[in-house]
């Protein structure tokens, strides 16, 4: 997985999940998108509100085939990447 983050002025965080080319079947691509968005939705480090405009970010998550096979692996990897991104 690779996470790219850019600041936005919206006051809330957004994410887009992009499975890399040749990730697998459409079912697998959609499943990893749904799971990553659920992990992001439950992530405690998200920013909300007008007072968070300088902190809010847009995230791009690129998922490579064979790297994520289990929900717990996806969850732990994504949370580590989000934590590292928020420390910057």
C-alpha atoms as a PDB file:
ATOM      1  CA  UNK A   1       0.000   0.000   0.000  1.00  0.00           C
ATOM      2  CA  UNK A   2       1.030   3.552  -0.600  1.00  0.00           C
ATOM      3  CA  UNK A   3      -0.616   6.648   0.863  1.00  0.00           C
ATOM      4  CA  UNK A   4      -0.342  10.131  -0.597  1.00  0.00           C
ATOM      5  CA  UNK A   5      -1.768  13.089   1.307  1.00  0.00           C
ATOM      6  CA  UNK A   6      -2.441  16.680   0.314  1.00  0.00           C
ATOM      7  CA  UNK A   7      -3.925  19.462   2.393  1.00  0.00           C
ATOM      8  CA  UNK A   8      -7.372  20.805   1.597  1.00  0.00           C
ATOM      9  CA  UNK A   9      -9.397  23.724   2.936  1.00  0.00           C
ATOM     10  CA  UNK A  10     -12.687  21.897   3.361  1.00  0.00           C
ATOM     11  CA  UNK A  11     -12.579  21.248   7.112  1.00  0.00           C
ATOM     12  CA  UNK A  12     -12.870  17.471   6.741  1.00  0.00           C
ATOM     13  CA  UNK A  13     -10.719  14.630   5.431  1.00  0.00           C
ATOM     14  CA  UNK A  14     -11.440  12.679   2.249  1.00  0.00           C
ATOM     15  CA  UNK A  15     -10.024   9.440   0.830  1.00  0.00           C
ATOM     16  CA  UNK A  16      -9.937   7.729  -2.531  1.00  0.00           C
ATOM     17  CA  UNK A  17      -8.849   4.090  -2.836  1.00  0.00           C
ATOM     18  CA  UNK A  18      -7.210   2.979  -6.073  1.00  0.00           C
ATOM     19  CA  UNK A  19      -6.405  -0.700  -6.576  1.00  0.00           C
ATOM     20  CA  UNK A  20      -3.331  -0.995  -8.810  1.00  0.00           C
ATOM     21  CA  UNK A  21      -3.562  -2.432 -12.271  1.00  0.00           C
ATOM     22  CA  UNK A  22      -4.113  -6.203 -12.349  1.00  0.00           C
ATOM     23  CA  UNK A  23      -5.429  -6.240  -8.779  1.00  0.00           C
ATOM     24  CA  UNK A  24      -7.835  -9.037  -9.550  1.00  0.00           C
ATOM     25  CA  UNK A  25     -11.496  -9.394 -10.240  1.00  0.00           C
ATOM     26  CA  UNK A  26     -13.936  -6.499  -9.901  1.00  0.00           C
ATOM     27  CA  UNK A  27     -15.312  -8.147  -6.763  1.00  0.00           C
ATOM     28  CA  UNK A  28     -11.866  -8.039  -5.140  1.00  0.00           C
ATOM     29  CA  UNK A  29     -11.269  -4.414  -6.140  1.00  0.00           C
ATOM     30  CA  UNK A  30     -14.622  -3.302  -4.774  1.00  0.00           C
ATOM     31  CA  UNK A  31     -14.128  -5.270  -1.571  1.00  0.00           C
ATOM     32  CA  UNK A  32     -10.773  -3.630  -0.841  1.00  0.00           C
ATOM     33  CA  UNK A  33     -12.307  -0.196  -1.558  1.00  0.00           C
ATOM     34  CA  UNK A  34     -15.195  -0.808   0.829  1.00  0.00           C
ATOM     35  CA  UNK A  35     -12.926  -2.156   3.556  1.00  0.00           C
ATOM     36  CA  UNK A  36     -10.423   0.706   3.283  1.00  0.00           C
ATOM     37  CA  UNK A  37     -13.198   3.300   3.405  1.00  0.00           C
ATOM     38  CA  UNK A  38     -14.649   1.626   6.499  1.00  0.00           C
ATOM     39  CA  UNK A  39     -11.252   1.677   8.232  1.00  0.00           C
ATOM     40  CA  UNK A  40     -10.888   5.359   7.294  1.00  0.00           C
ATOM     41  CA  UNK A  41     -14.393   6.143   8.541  1.00  0.00           C
ATOM     42  CA  UNK A  42     -13.589   4.615  11.944  1.00  0.00           C
ATOM     43  CA  UNK A  43     -10.114   6.202  12.155  1.00  0.00           C
ATOM     44  CA  UNK A  44      -9.877   8.409  15.248  1.00  0.00           C
ATOM     45  CA  UNK A  45      -7.388  10.874  13.747  1.00  0.00           C
ATOM     46  CA  UNK A  46      -9.830  12.349  11.235  1.00  0.00           C
ATOM     47  CA  UNK A  47     -10.460  16.089  11.361  1.00  0.00           C
ATOM     48  CA  UNK A  48     -13.861  17.775  11.254  1.00  0.00           C
ATOM     49  CA  UNK A  49     -15.240  21.272  11.489  1.00  0.00           C
ATOM     50  CA  UNK A  50     -14.371  24.773  10.364  1.00  0.00           C
ATOM     51  CA  UNK A  51     -11.600  25.107  12.969  1.00  0.00           C
ATOM     52  CA  UNK A  52      -9.740  22.186  11.315  1.00  0.00           C
ATOM     53  CA  UNK A  53      -9.378  23.744   7.865  1.00  0.00           C
ATOM     54  CA  UNK A  54      -5.608  23.944   8.164  1.00  0.00           C
ATOM     55  CA  UNK A  55      -5.375  20.280   9.282  1.00  0.00           C
ATOM     56  CA  UNK A  56      -7.785  18.593   6.866  1.00  0.00           C
ATOM     57  CA  UNK A  57      -6.324  16.464   4.073  1.00  0.00           C
ATOM     58  CA  UNK A  58      -7.156  14.522   0.960  1.00  0.00           C
ATOM     59  CA  UNK A  59      -5.720  10.991   0.929  1.00  0.00           C
ATOM     60  CA  UNK A  60      -4.994   8.744  -2.037  1.00  0.00           C
ATOM     61  CA  UNK A  61      -4.496   5.087  -1.120  1.00  0.00           C
ATOM     62  CA  UNK A  62      -2.952   2.858  -3.790  1.00  0.00           C
ATOM     63  CA  UNK A  63      -3.348  -0.846  -3.016  1.00  0.00           C
ATOM     64  CA  UNK A  64      -1.138  -3.362  -4.785  1.00  0.00           C
ATOM     65  CA  UNK A  65      -2.144  -6.970  -5.558  1.00  0.00           C
ATOM     66  CA  UNK A  66      -0.977  -9.612  -3.116  1.00  0.00           C
ATOM     67  CA  UNK A  67      -0.161  -7.074  -0.402  1.00  0.00           C
ATOM     68  CA  UNK A  68      -3.573  -7.057   1.302  1.00  0.00           C
ATOM     69  CA  UNK A  69      -5.366 -10.339   1.752  1.00  0.00           C
ATOM     70  CA  UNK A  70      -7.037  -9.896   5.122  1.00  0.00           C
ATOM     71  CA  UNK A  71      -9.145  -7.140   6.712  1.00  0.00           C
ATOM     72  CA  UNK A  72      -6.940  -6.953   9.812  1.00  0.00           C
ATOM     73  CA  UNK A  73      -3.827  -6.585   7.640  1.00  0.00           C
ATOM     74  CA  UNK A  74      -5.477  -3.779   5.668  1.00  0.00           C
ATOM     75  CA  UNK A  75      -6.647  -2.088   8.857  1.00  0.00           C
ATOM     76  CA  UNK A  76      -3.271  -2.166  10.603  1.00  0.00           C
ATOM     77  CA  UNK A  77      -1.381  -1.053   7.494  1.00  0.00           C
ATOM     78  CA  UNK A  78      -3.742   1.811   6.707  1.00  0.00           C
ATOM     79  CA  UNK A  79      -3.792   3.083  10.290  1.00  0.00           C
ATOM     80  CA  UNK A  80       0.030   3.075  10.379  1.00  0.00           C
ATOM     81  CA  UNK A  81       0.141   5.049   7.140  1.00  0.00           C
ATOM     82  CA  UNK A  82      -2.482   7.543   8.358  1.00  0.00           C
ATOM     83  CA  UNK A  83      -0.683   8.040  11.672  1.00  0.00           C
ATOM     84  CA  UNK A  84       2.612   8.633   9.886  1.00  0.00           C
ATOM     85  CA  UNK A  85       0.953  11.083   7.496  1.00  0.00           C
ATOM     86  CA  UNK A  86      -0.673  13.042  10.347  1.00  0.00           C
ATOM     87  CA  UNK A  87       2.637  13.429  12.190  1.00  0.00           C
ATOM     88  CA  UNK A  88       4.041  15.503   9.308  1.00  0.00           C
END
